Amino acid sequence: MISFTKTQKGKLGEIKAVEYLRSIGHTILFTNFRNRFGEIDIISFHSGCLFCLEVKSWKQSSKISPIEIFNETKKRKMRKLYIFLLKKYPPICHLTVSFGLVQILEKREVRFYSSLF
């Protein structure tokens, strides 16, 4: 059995998330978009909406849900990054934004929560 580090597992999860999003019609605009506030794992576009997405590889047996990572601090950081994105790329300011999560489970199953806040 191959064992991966947390970083390797995260990268594999992001690759799987990008593949999944493309398969459902998303255009990937950025991966690992970052500045001093933090990072948004994937920014994609689909049906007139901009998606700012966190990717989490998560054990299905975990007692907490990855959705619980969206505490007020995380939400504030993602919003600040989104404002930074708008300043850097003004043509996208007219798009509706959705903050969400792509969860990658152990058996490479994907769960997409498109609008968490």
PDB file of N, CA and C in Angstrom:
ATOM      1  N   MET A   1       0.835  -1.177   0.000  1.00  0.00           N
ATOM      2  CA  MET A   1       0.000   0.000   0.000  1.00  0.00           C
ATOM      3  C   MET A   1       0.886   1.249   0.000  1.00  0.00           C
ATOM      4  N   ILE A   2       0.586   2.196  -0.875  1.00  0.00           N
ATOM      5  CA  ILE A   2       1.356   3.428  -0.973  1.00  0.00           C
ATOM      6  C   ILE A   2       0.858   4.412   0.084  1.00  0.00           C
ATOM      7  N   SER A   3       1.792   5.049   0.757  1.00  0.00           N
ATOM      8  CA  SER A   3       1.463   6.037   1.779  1.00  0.00           C
ATOM      9  C   SER A   3       1.876   7.420   1.264  1.00  0.00           C
ATOM     10  N   PHE A   4       0.975   8.382   1.375  1.00  0.00           N
ATOM     11  CA  PHE A   4       1.247   9.730   0.910  1.00  0.00           C
ATOM     12  C   PHE A   4       1.363  10.681   2.079  1.00  0.00           C
ATOM     13  N   THR A   5       2.182  11.726   1.903  1.00  0.00           N
ATOM     14  CA  THR A   5       2.252  12.783   2.909  1.00  0.00           C
ATOM     15  C   THR A   5       0.985  13.622   2.801  1.00  0.00           C
ATOM     16  N   LYS A   6       0.757  14.452   3.784  1.00  0.00           N
ATOM     17  CA  LYS A   6      -0.416  15.328   3.778  1.00  0.00           C
ATOM     18  C   LYS A   6      -0.394  16.247   2.551  1.00  0.00           C
ATOM     19  N   THR A   7       0.786  16.770   2.208  1.00  0.00           N
ATOM     20  CA  THR A   7       0.919  17.649   1.047  1.00  0.00           C
ATOM     21  C   THR A   7       0.612  16.893  -0.243  1.00  0.00           C
ATOM     22  N   GLN A   8       1.157  15.684  -0.381  1.00  0.00           N
ATOM     23  CA  GLN A   8       0.899  14.885  -1.580  1.00  0.00           C
ATOM     24  C   GLN A   8      -0.584  14.550  -1.702  1.00  0.00           C
ATOM     25  N   LYS A   9      -1.189  14.186  -0.585  1.00  0.00           N
ATOM     26  CA  LYS A   9      -2.617  13.861  -0.569  1.00  0.00           C
ATOM     27  C   LYS A   9      -3.443  15.082  -0.980  1.00  0.00           C
ATOM     28  N   GLY A  10      -3.040  16.258  -0.497  1.00  0.00           N
ATOM     29  CA  GLY A  10      -3.734  17.490  -0.860  1.00  0.00           C
ATOM     30  C   GLY A  10      -3.630  17.792  -2.339  1.00  0.00           C
ATOM     31  N   LYS A  11      -2.435  17.633  -2.905  1.00  0.00           N
ATOM     32  CA  LYS A  11      -2.234  17.863  -4.340  1.00  0.00           C
ATOM     33  C   LYS A  11      -3.056  16.892  -5.180  1.00  0.00           C
ATOM     34  N   LEU A  12      -3.054  15.618  -4.787  1.00  0.00           N
ATOM     35  CA  LEU A  12      -3.856  14.622  -5.511  1.00  0.00           C
ATOM     36  C   LEU A  12      -5.338  14.973  -5.425  1.00  0.00           C
ATOM     37  N   GLY A  13      -5.779  15.447  -4.274  1.00  0.00           N
ATOM     38  CA  GLY A  13      -7.171  15.860  -4.102  1.00  0.00           C
ATOM     39  C   GLY A  13      -7.521  17.027  -5.004  1.00  0.00           C
ATOM     40  N   GLU A  14      -6.617  17.988  -5.115  1.00  0.00           N
ATOM     41  CA  GLU A  14      -6.866  19.143  -5.984  1.00  0.00           C
ATOM     42  C   GLU A  14      -6.931  18.730  -7.450  1.00  0.00           C
ATOM     43  N   ILE A  15      -6.082  17.808  -7.860  1.00  0.00           N
ATOM     44  CA  ILE A  15      -6.117  17.305  -9.241  1.00  0.00           C
ATOM     45  C   ILE A  15      -7.455  16.614  -9.506  1.00  0.00           C
ATOM     46  N   LYS A  16      -7.894  15.782  -8.583  1.00  0.00           N
ATOM     47  CA  LYS A  16      -9.180  15.084  -8.720  1.00  0.00           C
ATOM     48  C   LYS A  16     -10.329  16.095  -8.763  1.00  0.00           C
ATOM     49  N   ALA A  17     -10.248  17.129  -7.935  1.00  0.00           N
ATOM     50  CA  ALA A  17     -11.295  18.158  -7.906  1.00  0.00           C
ATOM     51  C   ALA A  17     -11.372  18.900  -9.245  1.00  0.00           C
ATOM     52  N   VAL A  18     -10.217  19.253  -9.801  1.00  0.00           N
ATOM     53  CA  VAL A  18     -10.185  19.934 -11.103  1.00  0.00           C
ATOM     54  C   VAL A  18     -10.787  19.031 -12.178  1.00  0.00           C
ATOM     55  N   GLU A  19     -10.412  17.755 -12.187  1.00  0.00           N
ATOM     56  CA  GLU A  19     -10.977  16.810 -13.162  1.00  0.00           C
ATOM     57  C   GLU A  19     -12.496  16.750 -13.029  1.00  0.00           C
ATOM     58  N   TYR A  20     -12.969  16.654 -11.798  1.00  0.00           N
ATOM     59  CA  TYR A  20     -14.416  16.573 -11.561  1.00  0.00           C
ATOM     60  C   TYR A  20     -15.121  17.840 -12.047  1.00  0.00           C
ATOM     61  N   LEU A  21     -14.596  19.002 -11.661  1.00  0.00           N
ATOM     62  CA  LEU A  21     -15.237  20.266 -12.054  1.00  0.00           C
ATOM     63  C   LEU A  21     -15.292  20.408 -13.573  1.00  0.00           C
ATOM     64  N   ARG A  22     -14.220  20.052 -14.239  1.00  0.00           N
ATOM     65  CA  ARG A  22     -14.219  20.109 -15.712  1.00  0.00           C
ATOM     66  C   ARG A  22     -15.264  19.161 -16.286  1.00  0.00           C
ATOM     67  N   SER A  23     -15.426  17.996 -15.668  1.00  0.00           N
ATOM     68  CA  SER A  23     -16.389  17.013 -16.176  1.00  0.00           C
ATOM     69  C   SER A  23     -17.834  17.493 -16.067  1.00  0.00           C
ATOM     70  N   ILE A  24     -18.088  18.436 -15.159  1.00  0.00           N
ATOM     71  CA  ILE A  24     -19.453  18.967 -15.027  1.00  0.00           C
ATOM     72  C   ILE A  24     -19.594  20.353 -15.668  1.00  0.00           C
ATOM     73  N   GLY A  25     -18.580  20.736 -16.466  1.00  0.00           N
ATOM     74  CA  GLY A  25     -18.704  21.938 -17.279  1.00  0.00           C
ATOM     75  C   GLY A  25     -18.032  23.196 -16.750  1.00  0.00           C
ATOM     76  N   HIS A  26     -17.293  23.103 -15.674  1.00  0.00           N
ATOM     77  CA  HIS A  26     -16.602  24.284 -15.151  1.00  0.00           C
ATOM     78  C   HIS A  26     -15.352  24.592 -15.972  1.00  0.00           C
ATOM     79  N   THR A  27     -15.071  25.874 -16.106  1.00  0.00           N
ATOM     80  CA  THR A  27     -13.807  26.335 -16.660  1.00  0.00           C
ATOM     81  C   THR A  27     -12.936  26.726 -15.485  1.00  0.00           C
ATOM     82  N   ILE A  28     -11.766  26.146 -15.377  1.00  0.00           N
ATOM     83  CA  ILE A  28     -10.865  26.444 -14.267  1.00  0.00           C
ATOM     84  C   ILE A  28     -10.091  27.716 -14.609  1.00  0.00           C
ATOM     85  N   LEU A  29     -10.232  28.739 -13.776  1.00  0.00           N
ATOM     86  CA  LEU A  29      -9.542  30.000 -14.001  1.00  0.00           C
ATOM     87  C   LEU A  29      -8.218  30.061 -13.251  1.00  0.00           C
ATOM     88  N   PHE A  30      -8.228  29.600 -11.999  1.00  0.00           N
ATOM     89  CA  PHE A  30      -7.019  29.624 -11.166  1.00  0.00           C
ATOM     90  C   PHE A  30      -7.002  28.410 -10.248  1.00  0.00           C
ATOM     91  N   THR A  31      -5.809  27.944  -9.965  1.00  0.00           N
ATOM     92  CA  THR A  31      -5.623  26.990  -8.876  1.00  0.00           C
ATOM     93  C   THR A  31      -4.607  27.613  -7.931  1.00  0.00           C
ATOM     94  N   ASN A  32      -4.798  27.374  -6.651  1.00  0.00           N
ATOM     95  CA  ASN A  32      -3.903  27.894  -5.619  1.00  0.00           C
ATOM     96  C   ASN A  32      -3.693  29.404  -5.732  1.00  0.00           C
ATOM     97  N   PHE A  33      -4.812  30.131  -5.861  1.00  0.00           N
ATOM     98  CA  PHE A  33      -4.769  31.592  -5.927  1.00  0.00           C
ATOM     99  C   PHE A  33      -4.490  32.120  -4.526  1.00  0.00           C
ATOM    100  N   ARG A  34      -3.390  32.845  -4.366  1.00  0.00           N
ATOM    101  CA  ARG A  34      -3.010  33.264  -3.012  1.00  0.00           C
ATOM    102  C   ARG A  34      -2.449  34.675  -2.958  1.00  0.00           C
ATOM    103  N   ASN A  35      -2.526  35.210  -1.763  1.00  0.00           N
ATOM    104  CA  ASN A  35      -1.846  36.442  -1.395  1.00  0.00           C
ATOM    105  C   ASN A  35      -1.613  36.378   0.112  1.00  0.00           C
ATOM    106  N   ARG A  36      -1.367  37.511   0.731  1.00  0.00           N
ATOM    107  CA  ARG A  36      -1.038  37.490   2.167  1.00  0.00           C
ATOM    108  C   ARG A  36      -2.201  37.053   3.055  1.00  0.00           C
ATOM    109  N   PHE A  37      -3.422  37.085   2.541  1.00  0.00           N
ATOM    110  CA  PHE A  37      -4.591  36.677   3.329  1.00  0.00           C
ATOM    111  C   PHE A  37      -4.749  35.161   3.400  1.00  0.00           C
ATOM    112  N   GLY A  38      -4.185  34.460   2.420  1.00  0.00           N
ATOM    113  CA  GLY A  38      -4.358  33.013   2.385  1.00  0.00           C
ATOM    114  C   GLY A  38      -4.427  32.504   0.964  1.00  0.00           C
ATOM    115  N   GLU A  39      -5.225  31.460   0.767  1.00  0.00           N
ATOM    116  CA  GLU A  39      -5.293  30.799  -0.535  1.00  0.00           C
ATOM    117  C   GLU A  39      -6.703  30.283  -0.803  1.00  0.00           C
ATOM    118  N   ILE A  40      -7.109  30.411  -2.062  1.00  0.00           N
ATOM    119  CA  ILE A  40      -8.318  29.745  -2.544  1.00  0.00           C
ATOM    120  C   ILE A  40      -7.814  28.630  -3.452  1.00  0.00           C
ATOM    121  N   ASP A  41      -8.205  27.402  -3.170  1.00  0.00           N
ATOM    122  CA  ASP A  41      -7.665  26.255  -3.896  1.00  0.00           C
ATOM    123  C   ASP A  41      -8.011  26.273  -5.381  1.00  0.00           C
ATOM    124  N   ILE A  42      -9.278  26.527  -5.692  1.00  0.00           N
ATOM    125  CA  ILE A  42      -9.715  26.547  -7.098  1.00  0.00           C
ATOM    126  C   ILE A  42     -10.701  27.692  -7.295  1.00  0.00           C
ATOM    127  N   ILE A  43     -10.504  28.427  -8.380  1.00  0.00           N
ATOM    128  CA  ILE A  43     -11.486  29.425  -8.810  1.00  0.00           C
ATOM    129  C   ILE A  43     -11.927  28.987 -10.196  1.00  0.00           C
ATOM    130  N   SER A  44     -13.231  28.762 -10.322  1.00  0.00           N
ATOM    131  CA  SER A  44     -13.756  28.285 -11.602  1.00  0.00           C
ATOM    132  C   SER A  44     -14.956  29.134 -12.025  1.00  0.00           C
ATOM    133  N   PHE A  45     -15.351  28.935 -13.273  1.00  0.00           N
ATOM    134  CA  PHE A  45     -16.494  29.650 -13.849  1.00  0.00           C
ATOM    135  C   PHE A  45     -17.442  28.623 -14.449  1.00  0.00           C
ATOM    136  N   HIS A  46     -18.739  28.827 -14.170  1.00  0.00           N
ATOM    137  CA  HIS A  46     -19.749  27.948 -14.758  1.00  0.00           C
ATOM    138  C   HIS A  46     -21.096  28.656 -14.711  1.00  0.00           C
ATOM    139  N   SER A  47     -21.794  28.667 -15.827  1.00  0.00           N
ATOM    140  CA  SER A  47     -23.155  29.220 -15.928  1.00  0.00           C
ATOM    141  C   SER A  47     -23.269  30.625 -15.351  1.00  0.00           C
ATOM    142  N   GLY A  48     -22.328  31.485 -15.702  1.00  0.00           N
ATOM    143  CA  GLY A  48     -22.382  32.876 -15.265  1.00  0.00           C
ATOM    144  C   GLY A  48     -21.988  33.115 -13.815  1.00  0.00           C
ATOM    145  N   CYS A  49     -21.457  32.116 -13.162  1.00  0.00           N
ATOM    146  CA  CYS A  49     -21.103  32.221 -11.743  1.00  0.00           C
ATOM    147  C   CYS A  49     -19.619  31.923 -11.545  1.00  0.00           C
ATOM    148  N   LEU A  50     -19.010  32.672 -10.647  1.00  0.00           N
ATOM    149  CA  LEU A  50     -17.631  32.449 -10.254  1.00  0.00           C
ATOM    150  C   LEU A  50     -17.625  31.632  -8.972  1.00  0.00           C
ATOM    151  N   PHE A  51     -16.913  30.524  -8.968  1.00  0.00           N
ATOM    152  CA  PHE A  51     -16.851  29.639  -7.803  1.00  0.00           C
ATOM    153  C   PHE A  51     -15.482  29.739  -7.149  1.00  0.00           C
ATOM    154  N   CYS A  52     -15.460  30.090  -5.867  1.00  0.00           N
ATOM    155  CA  CYS A  52     -14.237  30.120  -5.066  1.00  0.00           C
ATOM    156  C   CYS A  52     -14.314  28.898  -4.156  1.00  0.00           C
ATOM    157  N   LEU A  53     -13.432  27.934  -4.406  1.00  0.00           N
ATOM    158  CA  LEU A  53     -13.598  26.622  -3.785  1.00  0.00           C
ATOM    159  C   LEU A  53     -12.411  26.187  -2.938  1.00  0.00           C
ATOM    160  N   GLU A  54     -12.728  25.618  -1.812  1.00  0.00           N
ATOM    161  CA  GLU A  54     -11.770  24.948  -0.944  1.00  0.00           C
ATOM    162  C   GLU A  54     -11.826  23.468  -1.304  1.00  0.00           C
ATOM    163  N   VAL A  55     -10.681  22.808  -1.333  1.00  0.00           N
ATOM    164  CA  VAL A  55     -10.635  21.370  -1.601  1.00  0.00           C
ATOM    165  C   VAL A  55     -10.142  20.685  -0.331  1.00  0.00           C
ATOM    166  N   LYS A  56     -10.858  19.652   0.087  1.00  0.00           N
ATOM    167  CA  LYS A  56     -10.455  18.890   1.271  1.00  0.00           C
ATOM    168  C   LYS A  56     -10.523  17.400   0.970  1.00  0.00           C
ATOM    169  N   SER A  57      -9.414  16.721   1.221  1.00  0.00           N
ATOM    170  CA  SER A  57      -9.410  15.260   1.192  1.00  0.00           C
ATOM    171  C   SER A  57      -9.776  14.833   2.601  1.00  0.00           C
ATOM    172  N   TRP A  58     -10.813  14.024   2.725  1.00  0.00           N
ATOM    173  CA  TRP A  58     -11.411  13.791   4.035  1.00  0.00           C
ATOM    174  C   TRP A  58     -11.802  12.337   4.201  1.00  0.00           C
ATOM    175  N   LYS A  59     -11.553  11.797   5.358  1.00  0.00           N
ATOM    176  CA  LYS A  59     -11.988  10.429   5.637  1.00  0.00           C
ATOM    177  C   LYS A  59     -13.487  10.424   5.884  1.00  0.00           C
ATOM    178  N   GLN A  60     -14.156   9.513   5.256  1.00  0.00           N
ATOM    179  CA  GLN A  60     -15.595   9.402   5.403  1.00  0.00           C
ATOM    180  C   GLN A  60     -15.966   9.082   6.855  1.00  0.00           C
ATOM    181  N   SER A  61     -15.077   8.397   7.546  1.00  0.00           N
ATOM    182  CA  SER A  61     -15.351   7.990   8.925  1.00  0.00           C
ATOM    183  C   SER A  61     -15.058   9.091   9.945  1.00  0.00           C
ATOM    184  N   SER A  62     -14.567  10.237   9.484  1.00  0.00           N
ATOM    185  CA  SER A  62     -14.244  11.331  10.398  1.00  0.00           C
ATOM    186  C   SER A  62     -15.483  11.781  11.159  1.00  0.00           C
ATOM    187  N   LYS A  63     -15.291  12.153  12.410  1.00  0.00           N
ATOM    188  CA  LYS A  63     -16.422  12.554  13.255  1.00  0.00           C
ATOM    189  C   LYS A  63     -16.938  13.951  12.927  1.00  0.00           C
ATOM    190  N   ILE A  64     -16.122  14.744  12.253  1.00  0.00           N
ATOM    191  CA  ILE A  64     -16.595  16.067  11.849  1.00  0.00           C
ATOM    192  C   ILE A  64     -16.650  16.146  10.333  1.00  0.00           C
ATOM    193  N   SER A  65     -17.449  17.035   9.855  1.00  0.00           N
ATOM    194  CA  SER A  65     -17.613  17.246   8.420  1.00  0.00           C
ATOM    195  C   SER A  65     -16.621  18.312   7.959  1.00  0.00           C
ATOM    196  N   PRO A  66     -16.102  18.200   6.739  1.00  0.00           N
ATOM    197  CA  PRO A  66     -15.202  19.244   6.250  1.00  0.00           C
ATOM    198  C   PRO A  66     -15.908  20.588   6.106  1.00  0.00           C
ATOM    199  N   ILE A  67     -17.224  20.567   6.047  1.00  0.00           N
ATOM    200  CA  ILE A  67     -17.979  21.820   5.970  1.00  0.00           C
ATOM    201  C   ILE A  67     -17.728  22.664   7.215  1.00  0.00           C
ATOM    202  N   GLU A  68     -17.430  21.991   8.324  1.00  0.00           N
ATOM    203  CA  GLU A  68     -17.193  22.696   9.586  1.00  0.00           C
ATOM    204  C   GLU A  68     -15.922  23.541   9.570  1.00  0.00           C
ATOM    205  N   ILE A  69     -15.057  23.381   8.558  1.00  0.00           N
ATOM    206  CA  ILE A  69     -13.860  24.217   8.484  1.00  0.00           C
ATOM    207  C   ILE A  69     -14.209  25.653   8.112  1.00  0.00           C
ATOM    208  N   PHE A  70     -15.416  25.872   7.624  1.00  0.00           N
ATOM    209  CA  PHE A  70     -15.822  27.214   7.222  1.00  0.00           C
ATOM    210  C   PHE A  70     -16.294  28.019   8.432  1.00  0.00           C
ATOM    211  N   ASN A  71     -15.366  28.254   9.346  1.00  0.00           N
ATOM    212  CA  ASN A  71     -15.669  29.120  10.480  1.00  0.00           C
ATOM    213  C   ASN A  71     -15.579  30.568  10.006  1.00  0.00           C
ATOM    214  N   GLU A  72     -15.858  31.506  10.882  1.00  0.00           N
ATOM    215  CA  GLU A  72     -15.866  32.918  10.478  1.00  0.00           C
ATOM    216  C   GLU A  72     -14.504  33.392   9.989  1.00  0.00           C
ATOM    217  N   THR A  73     -13.435  32.893  10.583  1.00  0.00           N
ATOM    218  CA  THR A  73     -12.084  33.282  10.150  1.00  0.00           C
ATOM    219  C   THR A  73     -11.831  32.837   8.715  1.00  0.00           C
ATOM    220  N   LYS A  74     -12.167  31.601   8.399  1.00  0.00           N
ATOM    221  CA  LYS A  74     -11.980  31.076   7.045  1.00  0.00           C
ATOM    222  C   LYS A  74     -12.835  31.852   6.042  1.00  0.00           C
ATOM    223  N   LYS A  75     -14.070  32.117   6.389  1.00  0.00           N
ATOM    224  CA  LYS A  75     -14.954  32.879   5.504  1.00  0.00           C
ATOM    225  C   LYS A  75     -14.396  34.276   5.242  1.00  0.00           C
ATOM    226  N   ARG A  76     -13.915  34.937   6.293  1.00  0.00           N
ATOM    227  CA  ARG A  76     -13.361  36.286   6.160  1.00  0.00           C
ATOM    228  C   ARG A  76     -12.140  36.264   5.232  1.00  0.00           C
ATOM    229  N   LYS A  77     -11.260  35.275   5.398  1.00  0.00           N
ATOM    230  CA  LYS A  77     -10.079  35.172   4.537  1.00  0.00           C
ATOM    231  C   LYS A  77     -10.467  34.959   3.081  1.00  0.00           C
ATOM    232  N   MET A  78     -11.437  34.077   2.850  1.00  0.00           N
ATOM    233  CA  MET A  78     -11.857  33.811   1.467  1.00  0.00           C
ATOM    234  C   MET A  78     -12.498  35.048   0.847  1.00  0.00           C
ATOM    235  N   ARG A  79     -13.269  35.789   1.626  1.00  0.00           N
ATOM    236  CA  ARG A  79     -13.868  37.029   1.099  1.00  0.00           C
ATOM    237  C   ARG A  79     -12.798  38.058   0.763  1.00  0.00           C
ATOM    238  N   LYS A  80     -11.779  38.185   1.628  1.00  0.00           N
ATOM    239  CA  LYS A  80     -10.688  39.127   1.356  1.00  0.00           C
ATOM    240  C   LYS A  80      -9.945  38.733   0.082  1.00  0.00           C
ATOM    241  N   LEU A  81      -9.715  37.456  -0.093  1.00  0.00           N
ATOM    242  CA  LEU A  81      -9.062  36.985  -1.317  1.00  0.00           C
ATOM    243  C   LEU A  81      -9.919  37.270  -2.543  1.00  0.00           C
ATOM    244  N   TYR A  82     -11.207  37.108  -2.402  1.00  0.00           N
ATOM    245  CA  TYR A  82     -12.130  37.395  -3.502  1.00  0.00           C
ATOM    246  C   TYR A  82     -12.067  38.880  -3.872  1.00  0.00           C
ATOM    247  N   ILE A  83     -12.049  39.773  -2.875  1.00  0.00           N
ATOM    248  CA  ILE A  83     -11.941  41.224  -3.136  1.00  0.00           C
ATOM    249  C   ILE A  83     -10.617  41.518  -3.855  1.00  0.00           C
ATOM    250  N   PHE A  84      -9.549  40.891  -3.407  1.00  0.00           N
ATOM    251  CA  PHE A  84      -8.246  41.039  -4.061  1.00  0.00           C
ATOM    252  C   PHE A  84      -8.331  40.584  -5.519  1.00  0.00           C
ATOM    253  N   LEU A  85      -8.992  39.459  -5.763  1.00  0.00           N
ATOM    254  CA  LEU A  85      -9.177  38.938  -7.121  1.00  0.00           C
ATOM    255  C   LEU A  85      -9.915  39.959  -7.993  1.00  0.00           C
ATOM    256  N   LEU A  86     -10.974  40.560  -7.450  1.00  0.00           N
ATOM    257  CA  LEU A  86     -11.746  41.552  -8.205  1.00  0.00           C
ATOM    258  C   LEU A  86     -10.901  42.771  -8.562  1.00  0.00           C
ATOM    259  N   LYS A  87     -10.058  43.202  -7.636  1.00  0.00           N
ATOM    260  CA  LYS A  87      -9.192  44.357  -7.905  1.00  0.00           C
ATOM    261  C   LYS A  87      -8.155  44.027  -8.972  1.00  0.00           C
ATOM    262  N   LYS A  88      -7.679  42.801  -8.953  1.00  0.00           N
ATOM    263  CA  LYS A  88      -6.661  42.374  -9.912  1.00  0.00           C
ATOM    264  C   LYS A  88      -7.244  42.097 -11.302  1.00  0.00           C
ATOM    265  N   TYR A  89      -8.497  41.619 -11.332  1.00  0.00           N
ATOM    266  CA  TYR A  89      -9.165  41.261 -12.585  1.00  0.00           C
ATOM    267  C   TYR A  89     -10.559  41.894 -12.640  1.00  0.00           C
ATOM    268  N   PRO A  90     -10.639  43.213 -12.844  1.00  0.00           N
ATOM    269  CA  PRO A  90     -11.932  43.920 -12.807  1.00  0.00           C
ATOM    270  C   PRO A  90     -13.019  43.387 -13.741  1.00  0.00           C
ATOM    271  N   PRO A  91     -12.703  42.805 -14.912  1.00  0.00           N
ATOM    272  CA  PRO A  91     -13.791  42.333 -15.784  1.00  0.00           C
ATOM    273  C   PRO A  91     -14.701  41.271 -15.157  1.00  0.00           C
ATOM    274  N   ILE A  92     -14.256  40.613 -14.091  1.00  0.00           N
ATOM    275  CA  ILE A  92     -15.101  39.572 -13.504  1.00  0.00           C
ATOM    276  C   ILE A  92     -16.025  40.096 -12.402  1.00  0.00           C
ATOM    277  N   CYS A  93     -15.972  41.403 -12.133  1.00  0.00           N
ATOM    278  CA  CYS A  93     -16.737  41.945 -10.997  1.00  0.00           C
ATOM    279  C   CYS A  93     -18.251  41.828 -11.175  1.00  0.00           C
ATOM    280  N   HIS A  94     -18.730  41.644 -12.377  1.00  0.00           N
ATOM    281  CA  HIS A  94     -20.174  41.531 -12.610  1.00  0.00           C
ATOM    282  C   HIS A  94     -20.724  40.123 -12.336  1.00  0.00           C
ATOM    283  N   LEU A  95     -19.843  39.166 -12.133  1.00  0.00           N
ATOM    284  CA  LEU A  95     -20.275  37.780 -11.937  1.00  0.00           C
ATOM    285  C   LEU A  95     -20.795  37.533 -10.524  1.00  0.00           C
ATOM    286  N   THR A  96     -21.781  36.685 -10.421  1.00  0.00           N
ATOM    287  CA  THR A  96     -22.241  36.201  -9.115  1.00  0.00           C
ATOM    288  C   THR A  96     -21.152  35.311  -8.556  1.00  0.00           C
ATOM    289  N   VAL A  97     -20.930  35.372  -7.245  1.00  0.00           N
ATOM    290  CA  VAL A  97     -19.891  34.548  -6.635  1.00  0.00           C
ATOM    291  C   VAL A  97     -20.513  33.520  -5.701  1.00  0.00           C
ATOM    292  N   SER A  98     -19.895  32.354  -5.666  1.00  0.00           N
ATOM    293  CA  SER A  98     -20.318  31.282  -4.775  1.00  0.00           C
ATOM    294  C   SER A  98     -19.084  30.714  -4.095  1.00  0.00           C
ATOM    295  N   PHE A  99     -19.123  30.613  -2.777  1.00  0.00           N
ATOM    296  CA  PHE A  99     -18.019  30.025  -2.022  1.00  0.00           C
ATOM    297  C   PHE A  99     -18.421  28.609  -1.646  1.00  0.00           C
ATOM    298  N   GLY A 100     -17.567  27.650  -1.983  1.00  0.00           N
ATOM    299  CA  GLY A 100     -17.959  26.265  -1.749  1.00  0.00           C
ATOM    300  C   GLY A 100     -16.797  25.346  -1.426  1.00  0.00           C
ATOM    301  N   LEU A 101     -17.105  24.063  -1.467  1.00  0.00           N
ATOM    302  CA  LEU A 101     -16.170  23.023  -1.062  1.00  0.00           C
ATOM    303  C   LEU A 101     -16.248  21.852  -2.034  1.00  0.00           C
ATOM    304  N   VAL A 102     -15.082  21.312  -2.371  1.00  0.00           N
ATOM    305  CA  VAL A 102     -15.009  20.044  -3.085  1.00  0.00           C
ATOM    306  C   VAL A 102     -14.351  19.075  -2.111  1.00  0.00           C
ATOM    307  N   GLN A 103     -15.093  18.057  -1.736  1.00  0.00           N
ATOM    308  CA  GLN A 103     -14.603  17.061  -0.784  1.00  0.00           C
ATOM    309  C   GLN A 103     -14.193  15.812  -1.550  1.00  0.00           C
ATOM    310  N   ILE A 104     -12.970  15.352  -1.301  1.00  0.00           N
ATOM    311  CA  ILE A 104     -12.476  14.128  -1.915  1.00  0.00           C
ATOM    312  C   ILE A 104     -12.422  13.069  -0.824  1.00  0.00           C
ATOM    313  N   LEU A 105     -13.170  12.000  -1.019  1.00  0.00           N
ATOM    314  CA  LEU A 105     -13.211  10.914  -0.035  1.00  0.00           C
ATOM    315  C   LEU A 105     -12.150   9.866  -0.354  1.00  0.00           C
ATOM    316  N   GLU A 106     -11.934   8.957   0.566  1.00  0.00           N
ATOM    317  CA  GLU A 106     -10.865   7.961   0.442  1.00  0.00           C
ATOM    318  C   GLU A 106     -10.907   7.164  -0.859  1.00  0.00           C
ATOM    319  N   LYS A 107     -12.059   6.826  -1.316  1.00  0.00           N
ATOM    320  CA  LYS A 107     -12.171   6.006  -2.533  1.00  0.00           C
ATOM    321  C   LYS A 107     -12.296   6.879  -3.785  1.00  0.00           C
ATOM    322  N   ARG A 108     -11.739   8.112  -3.683  1.00  0.00           N
ATOM    323  CA  ARG A 108     -11.721   9.089  -4.780  1.00  0.00           C
ATOM    324  C   ARG A 108     -13.114   9.546  -5.192  1.00  0.00           C
ATOM    325  N   GLU A 109     -14.074   9.324  -4.325  1.00  0.00           N
ATOM    326  CA  GLU A 109     -15.418   9.851  -4.542  1.00  0.00           C
ATOM    327  C   GLU A 109     -15.375  11.354  -4.306  1.00  0.00           C
ATOM    328  N   VAL A 110     -16.147  12.104  -5.097  1.00  0.00           N
ATOM    329  CA  VAL A 110     -16.162  13.553  -4.986  1.00  0.00           C
ATOM    330  C   VAL A 110     -17.525  14.024  -4.541  1.00  0.00           C
ATOM    331  N   ARG A 111     -17.531  14.935  -3.565  1.00  0.00           N
ATOM    332  CA  ARG A 111     -18.760  15.623  -3.164  1.00  0.00           C
ATOM    333  C   ARG A 111     -18.530  17.118  -3.372  1.00  0.00           C
ATOM    334  N   PHE A 112     -19.475  17.740  -4.058  1.00  0.00           N
ATOM    335  CA  PHE A 112     -19.351  19.158  -4.409  1.00  0.00           C
ATOM    336  C   PHE A 112     -20.441  19.937  -3.706  1.00  0.00           C
ATOM    337  N   TYR A 113     -20.031  20.835  -2.849  1.00  0.00           N
ATOM    338  CA  TYR A 113     -20.958  21.745  -2.145  1.00  0.00           C
ATOM    339  C   TYR A 113     -20.743  23.121  -2.761  1.00  0.00           C
ATOM    340  N   SER A 114     -21.629  23.491  -3.656  1.00  0.00           N
ATOM    341  CA  SER A 114     -21.365  24.667  -4.505  1.00  0.00           C
ATOM    342  C   SER A 114     -21.595  26.004  -3.827  1.00  0.00           C
ATOM    343  N   SER A 115     -22.417  26.069  -2.823  1.00  0.00           N
ATOM    344  CA  SER A 115     -22.725  27.384  -2.243  1.00  0.00           C
ATOM    345  C   SER A 115     -22.907  27.283  -0.746  1.00  0.00           C
ATOM    346  N   LEU A 116     -21.810  27.399  -0.011  1.00  0.00           N
ATOM    347  CA  LEU A 116     -21.868  27.277   1.438  1.00  0.00           C
ATOM    348  C   LEU A 116     -22.048  28.612   2.144  1.00  0.00           C
ATOM    349  N   PHE A 117     -21.574  29.682   1.503  1.00  0.00           N
ATOM    350  CA  PHE A 117     -21.788  31.031   2.061  1.00  0.00           C
ATOM    351  C   PHE A 117     -21.622  32.062   0.984  1.00  0.00           C
TER     352      PHE A 117
END
